[in-house]
Amino acid sequence: MSAVARAILSSDFTRGRIKDFMLEGEVLLAIFLACLLLASMLGIIYIRGHERQLTSELQYNRQQYDDMQVTHSQLLLEKATWSQQSRIQDIAQAKLNMQLPSSKNVITVE
């Protein structure tokens, strides 16, 4: 270290300034860390709220899926009921006056 540097560091004027600068640096560091902590806390609050919203939406969608599954099952049962051969034949005979052809009127194509 040069004599000039020693003289500057040993003077009362610079010693007070260096301590003030170090103190200001510590304060700035503390403020910076407090800001990071605050940002982290706000991030956690946001993420938890978003997670709750998505969980609620997932439960709603699962309930809709279950309701649609029940409706689908009911529609399949109704389709099977309405498409039974005996029911179609009864409607054809009653409303359309259709009759089964006799065996002599049936032509088989090979």
C-alpha atoms as a PDB file:
ATOM      1  CA  MET A   1       0.000   0.000   0.000  1.00  0.00           C
ATOM      2  CA  SER A   2       1.382   3.403  -0.874  1.00  0.00           C
ATOM      3  CA  ALA A   3       1.962   6.162   1.597  1.00  0.00           C
ATOM      4  CA  VAL A   4      -0.804   8.246   0.035  1.00  0.00           C
ATOM      5  CA  ALA A   5      -3.318   5.450   0.416  1.00  0.00           C
ATOM      6  CA  ARG A   6      -2.298   4.927   4.050  1.00  0.00           C
ATOM      7  CA  ALA A   7      -2.636   8.592   4.716  1.00  0.00           C
ATOM      8  CA  ILE A   8      -6.117   8.735   3.184  1.00  0.00           C
ATOM      9  CA  LEU A   9      -7.329   5.668   5.097  1.00  0.00           C
ATOM     10  CA  SER A  10      -5.823   6.834   8.384  1.00  0.00           C
ATOM     11  CA  SER A  11      -7.283  10.326   8.276  1.00  0.00           C
ATOM     12  CA  ASP A  12     -10.306  11.021  10.428  1.00  0.00           C
ATOM     13  CA  PHE A  13     -12.240  12.403   7.460  1.00  0.00           C
ATOM     14  CA  THR A  14     -12.082   9.214   5.388  1.00  0.00           C
ATOM     15  CA  ARG A  15     -12.535   6.891   8.352  1.00  0.00           C
ATOM     16  CA  GLY A  16     -15.904   8.432   9.126  1.00  0.00           C
ATOM     17  CA  ARG A  17     -16.941   8.328   5.476  1.00  0.00           C
ATOM     18  CA  ILE A  18     -15.994   4.670   5.085  1.00  0.00           C
ATOM     19  CA  LYS A  19     -18.011   3.754   8.190  1.00  0.00           C
ATOM     20  CA  ASP A  20     -20.964   5.769   6.905  1.00  0.00           C
ATOM     21  CA  PHE A  21     -20.661   4.104   3.515  1.00  0.00           C
ATOM     22  CA  MET A  22     -20.514   0.657   5.101  1.00  0.00           C
ATOM     23  CA  LEU A  23     -23.483   1.516   7.270  1.00  0.00           C
ATOM     24  CA  GLU A  24     -25.412   2.740   4.250  1.00  0.00           C
ATOM     25  CA  GLY A  25     -24.428  -0.441   2.392  1.00  0.00           C
ATOM     26  CA  GLU A  26     -25.753  -2.580   5.242  1.00  0.00           C
ATOM     27  CA  VAL A  27     -28.978  -0.601   5.302  1.00  0.00           C
ATOM     28  CA  LEU A  28     -29.346  -0.943   1.539  1.00  0.00           C
ATOM     29  CA  LEU A  29     -28.696  -4.659   1.807  1.00  0.00           C
ATOM     30  CA  ALA A  30     -31.293  -4.975   4.560  1.00  0.00           C
ATOM     31  CA  ILE A  31     -33.827  -3.010   2.502  1.00  0.00           C
ATOM     32  CA  PHE A  32     -33.058  -5.145  -0.555  1.00  0.00           C
ATOM     33  CA  LEU A  33     -33.501  -8.359   1.440  1.00  0.00           C
ATOM     34  CA  ALA A  34     -36.743  -7.058   2.962  1.00  0.00           C
ATOM     35  CA  CYS A  35     -38.039  -6.302  -0.543  1.00  0.00           C
ATOM     36  CA  LEU A  36     -37.112  -9.808  -1.673  1.00  0.00           C
ATOM     37  CA  LEU A  37     -38.896 -11.263   1.352  1.00  0.00           C
ATOM     38  CA  LEU A  38     -41.992  -9.189   0.634  1.00  0.00           C
ATOM     39  CA  ALA A  39     -41.966 -10.226  -3.028  1.00  0.00           C
ATOM     40  CA  SER A  40     -41.615 -13.857  -1.993  1.00  0.00           C
ATOM     41  CA  MET A  41     -44.552 -13.592   0.418  1.00  0.00           C
ATOM     42  CA  LEU A  42     -46.740 -11.943  -2.211  1.00  0.00           C
ATOM     43  CA  GLY A  43     -45.763 -14.652  -4.698  1.00  0.00           C
ATOM     44  CA  ILE A  44     -46.770 -17.377  -2.255  1.00  0.00           C
ATOM     45  CA  ILE A  45     -50.112 -15.685  -1.601  1.00  0.00           C
ATOM     46  CA  TYR A  46     -50.774 -15.379  -5.335  1.00  0.00           C
ATOM     47  CA  ILE A  47     -49.807 -18.980  -6.064  1.00  0.00           C
ATOM     48  CA  ARG A  48     -51.934 -20.354  -3.225  1.00  0.00           C
ATOM     49  CA  GLY A  49     -54.958 -18.372  -4.397  1.00  0.00           C
ATOM     50  CA  HIS A  50     -54.435 -19.564  -7.958  1.00  0.00           C
ATOM     51  CA  GLU A  51     -54.080 -23.136  -6.713  1.00  0.00           C
ATOM     52  CA  ARG A  52     -57.378 -22.879  -4.821  1.00  0.00           C
ATOM     53  CA  GLN A  53     -59.092 -21.511  -7.902  1.00  0.00           C
ATOM     54  CA  LEU A  54     -57.761 -24.334 -10.089  1.00  0.00           C
ATOM     55  CA  THR A  55     -58.738 -26.956  -7.494  1.00  0.00           C
ATOM     56  CA  SER A  56     -62.263 -25.563  -7.389  1.00  0.00           C
ATOM     57  CA  GLU A  57     -62.427 -25.564 -11.187  1.00  0.00           C
ATOM     58  CA  LEU A  58     -61.171 -29.158 -11.294  1.00  0.00           C
ATOM     59  CA  GLN A  59     -63.855 -30.301  -8.847  1.00  0.00           C
ATOM     60  CA  TYR A  60     -66.521 -28.504 -10.884  1.00  0.00           C
ATOM     61  CA  ASN A  61     -65.298 -30.166 -14.092  1.00  0.00           C
ATOM     62  CA  ARG A  62     -65.237 -33.588 -12.436  1.00  0.00           C
ATOM     63  CA  GLN A  63     -68.831 -33.088 -11.280  1.00  0.00           C
ATOM     64  CA  GLN A  64     -69.838 -32.089 -14.817  1.00  0.00           C
ATOM     65  CA  TYR A  65     -68.069 -35.173 -16.189  1.00  0.00           C
ATOM     66  CA  ASP A  66     -69.932 -37.426 -13.747  1.00  0.00           C
ATOM     67  CA  ASP A  67     -73.252 -35.795 -14.669  1.00  0.00           C
ATOM     68  CA  MET A  68     -72.516 -36.287 -18.362  1.00  0.00           C
ATOM     69  CA  GLN A  69     -71.625 -39.929 -17.778  1.00  0.00           C
ATOM     70  CA  VAL A  70     -74.992 -40.490 -16.078  1.00  0.00           C
ATOM     71  CA  THR A  71     -76.813 -38.712 -18.911  1.00  0.00           C
ATOM     72  CA  HIS A  72     -74.917 -40.755 -21.495  1.00  0.00           C
ATOM     73  CA  SER A  73     -75.865 -43.998 -19.752  1.00  0.00           C
ATOM     74  CA  GLN A  74     -79.502 -42.946 -19.618  1.00  0.00           C
ATOM     75  CA  LEU A  75     -79.469 -42.030 -23.306  1.00  0.00           C
ATOM     76  CA  LEU A  76     -77.950 -45.381 -24.242  1.00  0.00           C
ATOM     77  CA  LEU A  77     -80.662 -47.152 -22.278  1.00  0.00           C
ATOM     78  CA  GLU A  78     -83.341 -45.039 -23.934  1.00  0.00           C
ATOM     79  CA  LYS A  79     -81.858 -45.724 -27.377  1.00  0.00           C
ATOM     80  CA  ALA A  80     -81.897 -49.449 -26.708  1.00  0.00           C
ATOM     81  CA  THR A  81     -85.527 -49.239 -25.575  1.00  0.00           C
ATOM     82  CA  TRP A  82     -86.701 -47.223 -28.581  1.00  0.00           C
ATOM     83  CA  SER A  83     -84.862 -49.360 -31.120  1.00  0.00           C
ATOM     84  CA  GLN A  84     -86.170 -52.774 -30.065  1.00  0.00           C
ATOM     85  CA  GLN A  85     -87.354 -54.811 -33.042  1.00  0.00           C
ATOM     86  CA  SER A  86     -90.764 -55.595 -31.552  1.00  0.00           C
ATOM     87  CA  ARG A  87     -91.491 -51.910 -30.905  1.00  0.00           C
ATOM     88  CA  ILE A  88     -90.515 -50.937 -34.454  1.00  0.00           C
ATOM     89  CA  GLN A  89     -92.656 -53.720 -35.858  1.00  0.00           C
ATOM     90  CA  ASP A  90     -95.673 -52.649 -33.765  1.00  0.00           C
ATOM     91  CA  ILE A  91     -95.348 -49.025 -34.931  1.00  0.00           C
ATOM     92  CA  ALA A  92     -94.935 -50.140 -38.561  1.00  0.00           C
ATOM     93  CA  GLN A  93     -98.110 -52.204 -38.361  1.00  0.00           C
ATOM     94  CA  ALA A  94    -100.185 -49.677 -36.405  1.00  0.00           C
ATOM     95  CA  LYS A  95     -99.254 -46.362 -37.987  1.00  0.00           C
ATOM     96  CA  LEU A  96     -98.007 -47.332 -41.449  1.00  0.00           C
ATOM     97  CA  ASN A  97    -100.279 -50.347 -42.046  1.00  0.00           C
ATOM     98  CA  MET A  98     -97.263 -52.446 -42.954  1.00  0.00           C
ATOM     99  CA  GLN A  99     -97.451 -56.238 -42.851  1.00  0.00           C
ATOM    100  CA  LEU A 100     -94.807 -58.918 -42.921  1.00  0.00           C
ATOM    101  CA  PRO A 101     -94.668 -60.454 -46.413  1.00  0.00           C
ATOM    102  CA  SER A 102     -95.723 -64.047 -46.768  1.00  0.00           C
ATOM    103  CA  SER A 103     -93.053 -66.591 -47.577  1.00  0.00           C
ATOM    104  CA  LYS A 104     -94.230 -66.837 -51.227  1.00  0.00           C
ATOM    105  CA  ASN A 105     -93.696 -63.066 -51.670  1.00  0.00           C
ATOM    106  CA  VAL A 106     -90.110 -63.140 -50.369  1.00  0.00           C
ATOM    107  CA  ILE A 107     -87.394 -63.296 -53.051  1.00  0.00           C
ATOM    108  CA  THR A 108     -83.895 -64.246 -51.974  1.00  0.00           C
ATOM    109  CA  VAL A 109     -81.047 -62.732 -54.008  1.00  0.00           C
ATOM    110  CA  GLU A 110     -77.735 -64.515 -54.057  1.00  0.00           C
END
